[in-house]
Amino acid sequence: MNPMFYFLLALTAVFAAKTQAGGPIFDTDGDVIFGSTSYYVLPIFWGAGGGGLTLVPGHGNQCPLFVGQYGSDLKRGIPVRFSNWRSRVTNVPESENLNIKMDTEPTICPDSLYWWVTPAVMSDFRTFFITAGPKPEAGEEDSSRSFFQIIKKTVGQLDAYNIVFCNDHNDCVDVGVNTDQGGVRRLDVGSTTPFNVVFEKTTRTATLSKTMSII
């Protein structure tokens, strides 16, 4: 057989391996997660683990808003949507760069509600938090700060997920929860205690009817 055929076959296999998406992510009902649906991000352990996500201001600054967490497990909070992964699959893939957006109505701040990694503007400048920012545009120099990955983990006997931030596809660090002296919880990057979560689907009607509250 023509050697060129083998070369093209091998090249096709390499390309397919590089573009193959990670496995699908599942919600609490065991259904595959899709970008067209919004999901509550909830801690795997209730009680002291707190509740769902919300938006909170910084110390003395109304904007930008930080992605935070309710302290009460009675509040599911604001759901999120996933978008902008490279593989050509409709489901949300594991271990692949993607954008995360808070799925709620516009806020008092002018920016949109996409997650961005931002250096702290508070007392501890070594901490990086997650703030709500504009929709990432292709080719922007700092757009890498808006990409996260979802990694499956096993915590005890339970299946959970961790959200991680990978700087230039390397050195992935966990997203955790930073609680300040006032008891306000904000998501941070590089935490020694990962935020182990599950995803619970919601409905578009529930999302639109939700009143956005700021701690």
C-alpha atoms as a PDB file:
ATOM      1  CA  MET A   1       0.000   0.000   0.000  1.00  0.00           C
ATOM      2  CA  ASN A   2       1.137   3.553  -0.702  1.00  0.00           C
ATOM      3  CA  PRO A   3       3.374   4.849   2.166  1.00  0.00           C
ATOM      4  CA  MET A   4       1.608   8.206   1.910  1.00  0.00           C
ATOM      5  CA  PHE A   5      -1.606   6.493   2.996  1.00  0.00           C
ATOM      6  CA  TYR A   6       0.016   5.317   6.241  1.00  0.00           C
ATOM      7  CA  PHE A   7       1.425   8.791   6.854  1.00  0.00           C
ATOM      8  CA  LEU A   8      -1.980  10.430   6.427  1.00  0.00           C
ATOM      9  CA  LEU A   9      -3.616   7.772   8.597  1.00  0.00           C
ATOM     10  CA  ALA A  10      -1.088   8.356  11.391  1.00  0.00           C
ATOM     11  CA  LEU A  11      -1.463  12.139  11.092  1.00  0.00           C
ATOM     12  CA  THR A  12      -5.240  11.801  11.360  1.00  0.00           C
ATOM     13  CA  ALA A  13      -4.886   9.670  14.504  1.00  0.00           C
ATOM     14  CA  VAL A  14      -2.588  12.214  16.136  1.00  0.00           C
ATOM     15  CA  PHE A  15      -4.950  15.068  15.298  1.00  0.00           C
ATOM     16  CA  ALA A  16      -7.929  13.141  16.669  1.00  0.00           C
ATOM     17  CA  ALA A  17      -6.097  12.421  19.907  1.00  0.00           C
ATOM     18  CA  LYS A  18      -5.248  16.096  20.380  1.00  0.00           C
ATOM     19  CA  THR A  19      -8.794  17.288  19.716  1.00  0.00           C
ATOM     20  CA  GLN A  20     -10.594  14.603  21.694  1.00  0.00           C
ATOM     21  CA  ALA A  21     -12.567  16.090  24.548  1.00  0.00           C
ATOM     22  CA  GLY A  22     -12.422  14.944  28.128  1.00  0.00           C
ATOM     23  CA  GLY A  23     -15.216  12.825  29.526  1.00  0.00           C
ATOM     24  CA  PRO A  24     -18.601  14.435  30.210  1.00  0.00           C
ATOM     25  CA  ILE A  25     -19.476  16.068  33.524  1.00  0.00           C
ATOM     26  CA  PHE A  26     -22.643  14.900  35.290  1.00  0.00           C
ATOM     27  CA  ASP A  27     -25.128  16.736  37.496  1.00  0.00           C
ATOM     28  CA  THR A  28     -26.727  15.497  40.714  1.00  0.00           C
ATOM     29  CA  ASP A  29     -29.414  13.662  38.706  1.00  0.00           C
ATOM     30  CA  GLY A  30     -26.754  11.710  36.820  1.00  0.00           C
ATOM     31  CA  ASP A  31     -27.447  13.637  33.614  1.00  0.00           C
ATOM     32  CA  VAL A  32     -24.751  15.001  31.330  1.00  0.00           C
ATOM     33  CA  ILE A  33     -24.156  18.745  31.773  1.00  0.00           C
ATOM     34  CA  PHE A  34     -24.682  20.987  28.746  1.00  0.00           C
ATOM     35  CA  GLY A  35     -23.811  24.605  28.072  1.00  0.00           C
ATOM     36  CA  SER A  36     -27.429  25.415  27.240  1.00  0.00           C
ATOM     37  CA  THR A  37     -28.550  24.763  30.817  1.00  0.00           C
ATOM     38  CA  SER A  38     -27.719  26.591  34.030  1.00  0.00           C
ATOM     39  CA  TYR A  39     -26.581  24.816  37.200  1.00  0.00           C
ATOM     40  CA  TYR A  40     -26.268  25.569  40.878  1.00  0.00           C
ATOM     41  CA  VAL A  41     -22.740  25.046  42.192  1.00  0.00           C
ATOM     42  CA  LEU A  42     -23.156  23.452  45.616  1.00  0.00           C
ATOM     43  CA  PRO A  43     -20.700  22.083  48.187  1.00  0.00           C
ATOM     44  CA  ILE A  44     -20.658  18.309  48.408  1.00  0.00           C
ATOM     45  CA  PHE A  45     -21.038  18.525  52.189  1.00  0.00           C
ATOM     46  CA  TRP A  46     -23.926  20.534  53.625  1.00  0.00           C
ATOM     47  CA  GLY A  47     -24.017  22.310  56.970  1.00  0.00           C
ATOM     48  CA  ALA A  48     -20.687  23.975  57.673  1.00  0.00           C
ATOM     49  CA  GLY A  49     -19.863  23.639  53.957  1.00  0.00           C
ATOM     50  CA  GLY A  50     -22.225  26.519  53.244  1.00  0.00           C
ATOM     51  CA  GLY A  51     -24.610  27.039  50.344  1.00  0.00           C
ATOM     52  CA  GLY A  52     -24.519  28.081  46.710  1.00  0.00           C
ATOM     53  CA  LEU A  53     -22.785  30.957  44.958  1.00  0.00           C
ATOM     54  CA  THR A  54     -23.553  34.652  45.115  1.00  0.00           C
ATOM     55  CA  LEU A  55     -21.891  37.985  44.306  1.00  0.00           C
ATOM     56  CA  VAL A  56     -20.268  40.083  47.013  1.00  0.00           C
ATOM     57  CA  PRO A  57     -18.520  43.474  47.016  1.00  0.00           C
ATOM     58  CA  GLY A  58     -14.913  44.074  47.984  1.00  0.00           C
ATOM     59  CA  HIS A  59     -13.833  45.882  51.119  1.00  0.00           C
ATOM     60  CA  GLY A  60     -14.984  49.455  50.665  1.00  0.00           C
ATOM     61  CA  ASN A  61     -15.554  49.030  46.911  1.00  0.00           C
ATOM     62  CA  GLN A  62     -18.909  48.385  45.291  1.00  0.00           C
ATOM     63  CA  CYS A  63     -17.317  47.203  42.027  1.00  0.00           C
ATOM     64  CA  PRO A  64     -16.036  44.867  40.825  1.00  0.00           C
ATOM     65  CA  LEU A  65     -18.154  42.171  42.401  1.00  0.00           C
ATOM     66  CA  PHE A  66     -16.477  39.054  43.746  1.00  0.00           C
ATOM     67  CA  VAL A  67     -17.837  35.548  43.260  1.00  0.00           C
ATOM     68  CA  GLY A  68     -18.755  34.449  46.779  1.00  0.00           C
ATOM     69  CA  GLN A  69     -20.616  31.735  48.634  1.00  0.00           C
ATOM     70  CA  TYR A  70     -23.589  31.821  50.977  1.00  0.00           C
ATOM     71  CA  GLY A  71     -22.789  30.671  54.493  1.00  0.00           C
ATOM     72  CA  SER A  72     -26.210  29.017  54.829  1.00  0.00           C
ATOM     73  CA  ASP A  73     -26.854  25.650  53.178  1.00  0.00           C
ATOM     74  CA  LEU A  74     -30.507  26.689  52.774  1.00  0.00           C
ATOM     75  CA  LYS A  75     -29.565  29.000  49.887  1.00  0.00           C
ATOM     76  CA  ARG A  76     -28.783  27.547  46.469  1.00  0.00           C
ATOM     77  CA  GLY A  77     -27.702  30.957  45.267  1.00  0.00           C
ATOM     78  CA  ILE A  78     -27.038  32.049  41.698  1.00  0.00           C
ATOM     79  CA  PRO A  79     -26.553  29.341  39.057  1.00  0.00           C
ATOM     80  CA  VAL A  80     -23.817  29.371  36.422  1.00  0.00           C
ATOM     81  CA  ARG A  81     -23.459  28.557  32.743  1.00  0.00           C
ATOM     82  CA  PHE A  82     -20.461  27.067  30.962  1.00  0.00           C
ATOM     83  CA  SER A  83     -19.225  28.060  27.486  1.00  0.00           C
ATOM     84  CA  ASN A  84     -16.362  28.391  25.026  1.00  0.00           C
ATOM     85  CA  TRP A  85     -14.525  25.060  25.148  1.00  0.00           C
ATOM     86  CA  ARG A  86     -12.521  24.080  22.076  1.00  0.00           C
ATOM     87  CA  SER A  87     -13.701  20.530  21.434  1.00  0.00           C
ATOM     88  CA  ARG A  88     -16.665  20.107  19.157  1.00  0.00           C
ATOM     89  CA  VAL A  89     -18.968  18.473  21.663  1.00  0.00           C
ATOM     90  CA  THR A  90     -22.268  19.768  23.008  1.00  0.00           C
ATOM     91  CA  ASN A  91     -21.695  18.553  26.562  1.00  0.00           C
ATOM     92  CA  VAL A  92     -19.426  20.299  29.048  1.00  0.00           C
ATOM     93  CA  PRO A  93     -16.118  18.341  29.040  1.00  0.00           C
ATOM     94  CA  GLU A  94     -13.876  17.526  31.954  1.00  0.00           C
ATOM     95  CA  SER A  95     -10.301  18.865  32.112  1.00  0.00           C
ATOM     96  CA  GLU A  96     -10.723  21.385  29.312  1.00  0.00           C
ATOM     97  CA  ASN A  97     -10.508  25.178  29.377  1.00  0.00           C
ATOM     98  CA  LEU A  98     -13.890  26.886  29.478  1.00  0.00           C
ATOM     99  CA  ASN A  99     -15.582  30.067  30.636  1.00  0.00           C
ATOM    100  CA  ILE A 100     -18.000  30.289  33.565  1.00  0.00           C
ATOM    101  CA  LYS A 101     -20.699  32.947  33.878  1.00  0.00           C
ATOM    102  CA  MET A 102     -23.083  33.781  36.707  1.00  0.00           C
ATOM    103  CA  ASP A 103     -26.549  33.282  35.218  1.00  0.00           C
ATOM    104  CA  THR A 104     -28.521  36.208  36.615  1.00  0.00           C
ATOM    105  CA  GLU A 105     -29.762  39.646  35.667  1.00  0.00           C
ATOM    106  CA  PRO A 106     -27.315  42.580  35.228  1.00  0.00           C
ATOM    107  CA  THR A 107     -25.989  44.091  38.429  1.00  0.00           C
ATOM    108  CA  ILE A 108     -25.113  47.565  39.633  1.00  0.00           C
ATOM    109  CA  CYS A 109     -21.635  47.113  38.135  1.00  0.00           C
ATOM    110  CA  PRO A 110     -21.091  47.804  34.400  1.00  0.00           C
ATOM    111  CA  ASP A 111     -19.151  44.612  33.665  1.00  0.00           C
ATOM    112  CA  SER A 112     -20.726  41.331  32.649  1.00  0.00           C
ATOM    113  CA  LEU A 113     -20.708  38.309  34.958  1.00  0.00           C
ATOM    114  CA  TYR A 114     -17.948  36.059  33.591  1.00  0.00           C
ATOM    115  CA  TRP A 115     -15.416  34.660  36.023  1.00  0.00           C
ATOM    116  CA  TRP A 116     -11.971  36.289  35.991  1.00  0.00           C
ATOM    117  CA  VAL A 117      -8.947  35.663  38.193  1.00  0.00           C
ATOM    118  CA  THR A 118      -7.979  38.978  39.784  1.00  0.00           C
ATOM    119  CA  PRO A 119      -5.177  39.923  42.222  1.00  0.00           C
ATOM    120  CA  ALA A 120      -6.456  40.967  45.609  1.00  0.00           C
ATOM    121  CA  VAL A 121      -6.984  44.690  46.116  1.00  0.00           C
ATOM    122  CA  MET A 122      -7.308  44.146  49.842  1.00  0.00           C
ATOM    123  CA  SER A 123      -4.780  43.536  52.569  1.00  0.00           C
ATOM    124  CA  ASP A 124      -3.327  40.222  51.336  1.00  0.00           C
ATOM    125  CA  PHE A 125      -1.852  40.921  47.913  1.00  0.00           C
ATOM    126  CA  ARG A 126      -0.649  37.330  47.582  1.00  0.00           C
ATOM    127  CA  THR A 127      -4.243  36.128  47.216  1.00  0.00           C
ATOM    128  CA  PHE A 128      -6.018  35.881  43.870  1.00  0.00           C
ATOM    129  CA  PHE A 129      -9.793  36.064  43.901  1.00  0.00           C
ATOM    130  CA  ILE A 130     -12.480  35.433  41.275  1.00  0.00           C
ATOM    131  CA  THR A 131     -14.393  38.516  40.187  1.00  0.00           C
ATOM    132  CA  ALA A 132     -17.245  39.119  37.770  1.00  0.00           C
ATOM    133  CA  GLY A 133     -15.973  40.689  34.558  1.00  0.00           C
ATOM    134  CA  PRO A 134     -16.647  41.239  30.846  1.00  0.00           C
ATOM    135  CA  LYS A 135     -17.180  38.550  28.255  1.00  0.00           C
ATOM    136  CA  PRO A 136     -13.736  37.313  27.155  1.00  0.00           C
ATOM    137  CA  GLU A 137     -12.844  38.227  23.584  1.00  0.00           C
ATOM    138  CA  ALA A 138     -10.681  35.987  21.415  1.00  0.00           C
ATOM    139  CA  GLY A 139      -7.125  37.234  21.097  1.00  0.00           C
ATOM    140  CA  GLU A 140      -7.187  39.423  24.189  1.00  0.00           C
ATOM    141  CA  GLU A 141      -3.853  39.320  25.956  1.00  0.00           C
ATOM    142  CA  ASP A 142      -5.307  38.635  29.388  1.00  0.00           C
ATOM    143  CA  SER A 143      -8.181  36.362  28.320  1.00  0.00           C
ATOM    144  CA  SER A 144      -6.339  33.377  29.828  1.00  0.00           C
ATOM    145  CA  ARG A 145      -7.395  34.728  33.232  1.00  0.00           C
ATOM    146  CA  SER A 146     -11.001  33.850  32.357  1.00  0.00           C
ATOM    147  CA  PHE A 147     -10.497  30.140  31.637  1.00  0.00           C
ATOM    148  CA  PHE A 148     -11.149  27.414  34.183  1.00  0.00           C
ATOM    149  CA  GLN A 149     -11.348  23.624  34.155  1.00  0.00           C
ATOM    150  CA  ILE A 150     -13.567  21.146  35.972  1.00  0.00           C
ATOM    151  CA  ILE A 151     -11.869  18.057  37.392  1.00  0.00           C
ATOM    152  CA  LYS A 152     -13.623  15.001  38.807  1.00  0.00           C
ATOM    153  CA  LYS A 153     -12.605  14.034  42.345  1.00  0.00           C
ATOM    154  CA  THR A 154     -13.595  11.349  44.829  1.00  0.00           C
ATOM    155  CA  VAL A 155     -14.155  12.661  48.343  1.00  0.00           C
ATOM    156  CA  GLY A 156     -14.642   9.787  50.758  1.00  0.00           C
ATOM    157  CA  GLN A 157     -17.192   7.569  49.037  1.00  0.00           C
ATOM    158  CA  LEU A 158     -18.748  10.420  47.050  1.00  0.00           C
ATOM    159  CA  ASP A 159     -18.041  11.737  43.561  1.00  0.00           C
ATOM    160  CA  ALA A 160     -17.437  15.473  43.415  1.00  0.00           C
ATOM    161  CA  TYR A 161     -15.787  18.033  41.169  1.00  0.00           C
ATOM    162  CA  ASN A 162     -13.141  20.669  41.695  1.00  0.00           C
ATOM    163  CA  ILE A 163     -12.932  23.858  39.685  1.00  0.00           C
ATOM    164  CA  VAL A 164      -9.314  24.698  38.874  1.00  0.00           C
ATOM    165  CA  PHE A 165      -7.433  27.517  37.183  1.00  0.00           C
ATOM    166  CA  CYS A 166      -4.593  26.511  34.864  1.00  0.00           C
ATOM    167  CA  ASN A 167      -2.121  29.243  33.977  1.00  0.00           C
ATOM    168  CA  ASP A 168      -1.191  28.703  30.305  1.00  0.00           C
ATOM    169  CA  HIS A 169      -2.459  25.103  30.532  1.00  0.00           C
ATOM    170  CA  ASN A 170       0.110  24.315  33.237  1.00  0.00           C
ATOM    171  CA  ASP A 171       0.376  24.486  37.013  1.00  0.00           C
ATOM    172  CA  CYS A 172      -3.323  24.004  37.710  1.00  0.00           C
ATOM    173  CA  VAL A 173      -4.412  25.285  41.125  1.00  0.00           C
ATOM    174  CA  ASP A 174      -7.652  24.673  42.973  1.00  0.00           C
ATOM    175  CA  VAL A 175     -10.450  27.155  43.489  1.00  0.00           C
ATOM    176  CA  GLY A 176     -11.285  27.374  47.191  1.00  0.00           C
ATOM    177  CA  VAL A 177     -13.232  29.546  49.600  1.00  0.00           C
ATOM    178  CA  ASN A 178     -11.613  32.404  51.507  1.00  0.00           C
ATOM    179  CA  THR A 179     -13.526  33.611  54.566  1.00  0.00           C
ATOM    180  CA  ASP A 180     -12.623  37.085  55.833  1.00  0.00           C
ATOM    181  CA  GLN A 181     -12.858  38.388  59.391  1.00  0.00           C
ATOM    182  CA  GLY A 182     -16.436  39.500  58.776  1.00  0.00           C
ATOM    183  CA  GLY A 183     -17.489  35.994  57.762  1.00  0.00           C
ATOM    184  CA  VAL A 184     -17.882  36.856  54.065  1.00  0.00           C
ATOM    185  CA  ARG A 185     -16.891  33.981  51.800  1.00  0.00           C
ATOM    186  CA  ARG A 186     -15.189  34.674  48.462  1.00  0.00           C
ATOM    187  CA  LEU A 187     -13.823  32.189  45.930  1.00  0.00           C
ATOM    188  CA  ASP A 188     -10.043  32.337  45.654  1.00  0.00           C
ATOM    189  CA  VAL A 189      -7.376  30.616  43.578  1.00  0.00           C
ATOM    190  CA  GLY A 190      -4.601  28.525  45.059  1.00  0.00           C
ATOM    191  CA  SER A 191      -6.424  27.601  48.235  1.00  0.00           C
ATOM    192  CA  THR A 192      -5.019  24.714  50.267  1.00  0.00           C
ATOM    193  CA  THR A 193      -8.596  23.504  50.788  1.00  0.00           C
ATOM    194  CA  PRO A 194     -10.341  22.843  47.441  1.00  0.00           C
ATOM    195  CA  PHE A 195     -14.011  23.726  47.031  1.00  0.00           C
ATOM    196  CA  ASN A 196     -15.468  20.256  46.394  1.00  0.00           C
ATOM    197  CA  VAL A 197     -18.742  20.756  44.544  1.00  0.00           C
ATOM    198  CA  VAL A 198     -21.624  19.133  42.723  1.00  0.00           C
ATOM    199  CA  PHE A 199     -23.807  20.645  40.007  1.00  0.00           C
ATOM    200  CA  GLU A 200     -27.596  20.766  40.311  1.00  0.00           C
ATOM    201  CA  LYS A 201     -29.574  21.744  37.232  1.00  0.00           C
ATOM    202  CA  THR A 202     -32.091  24.534  37.402  1.00  0.00           C
ATOM    203  CA  THR A 203     -34.636  25.846  34.921  1.00  0.00           C
ATOM    204  CA  ARG A 204     -34.547  29.007  32.881  1.00  0.00           C
ATOM    205  CA  THR A 205     -37.769  30.172  34.550  1.00  0.00           C
ATOM    206  CA  ALA A 206     -36.247  29.794  37.999  1.00  0.00           C
ATOM    207  CA  THR A 207     -33.143  31.663  36.883  1.00  0.00           C
ATOM    208  CA  LEU A 208     -35.019  34.633  35.452  1.00  0.00           C
ATOM    209  CA  SER A 209     -37.299  34.927  38.479  1.00  0.00           C
ATOM    210  CA  LYS A 210     -34.418  34.901  40.964  1.00  0.00           C
ATOM    211  CA  THR A 211     -33.686  38.205  42.665  1.00  0.00           C
ATOM    212  CA  MET A 212     -29.943  38.748  42.826  1.00  0.00           C
ATOM    213  CA  SER A 213     -28.831  39.502  46.372  1.00  0.00           C
ATOM    214  CA  ILE A 214     -25.483  40.890  47.417  1.00  0.00           C
ATOM    215  CA  ILE A 215     -24.091  40.087  50.841  1.00  0.00           C
END
